[in-house]
Amino acid sequence: MQTQIQQPLIFQNSVVVFSKNYLPISRVPMKRAITLLVTGRAEALDLGKGSPWIVRSPSLALIVPEHIRLVTPHFEHRWKIPAVSRREVFRRDRHVCQYCGSTHPLTLDHVLPRSRGGLHRWENVVTACVTCNGRKGDRTPQEANMPLKSLPKAPMHPAVAFAEQFWLEG
């Protein structure tokens, strides 16, 4: 009979990682944060929020705060806006019709119809269910009296999206 070793509850927490320039980059598991602190690749940040956790080993007691900052430069891979595709638009809109909130079956809809000069761009394409797409037809959302749940926009760089979410939650 095998017994599983339960990890302490402290390891279920996560830590926010800031770049050397104090830009919030991501949230990492506690184990990764400890590794970064012990190897000297990160330092503790005190933002006055929450209380730090104390992690003990036989030879070390480490204070792990809720926020750490990388001390070495963090090089981001070049990121470019993905091409407008069915999969990417569905991902952006979270697989939800932007007119009624339905989840099945889904299609793409051009806010300004292509027959009226609308382009196949991030700002003009949304996810729509078959029913709403047929009801809207060759009209704009205003003409069809079908307001959008959210305005379509191009995806953001993941680090920028995380930073925006972090500061809004703050």
Foldseek 3Di string as FASTA:
>chain_A
DDDDDDDDPQQVDWAFEAELVRQTFGIGTPVVQVVCVVVVQKADDCPPDDAWDWDDDPVDIDTGRNYIYGNDGDDDDDDDFDDDDPVVQCVVQVQAAQQPGDRPDKDKAFQQDVVNVGDSDQQGIHIHHPVVRVQCDNHHCVVSVGDTNDGGDTDDDNSVVVRVVVVVVD
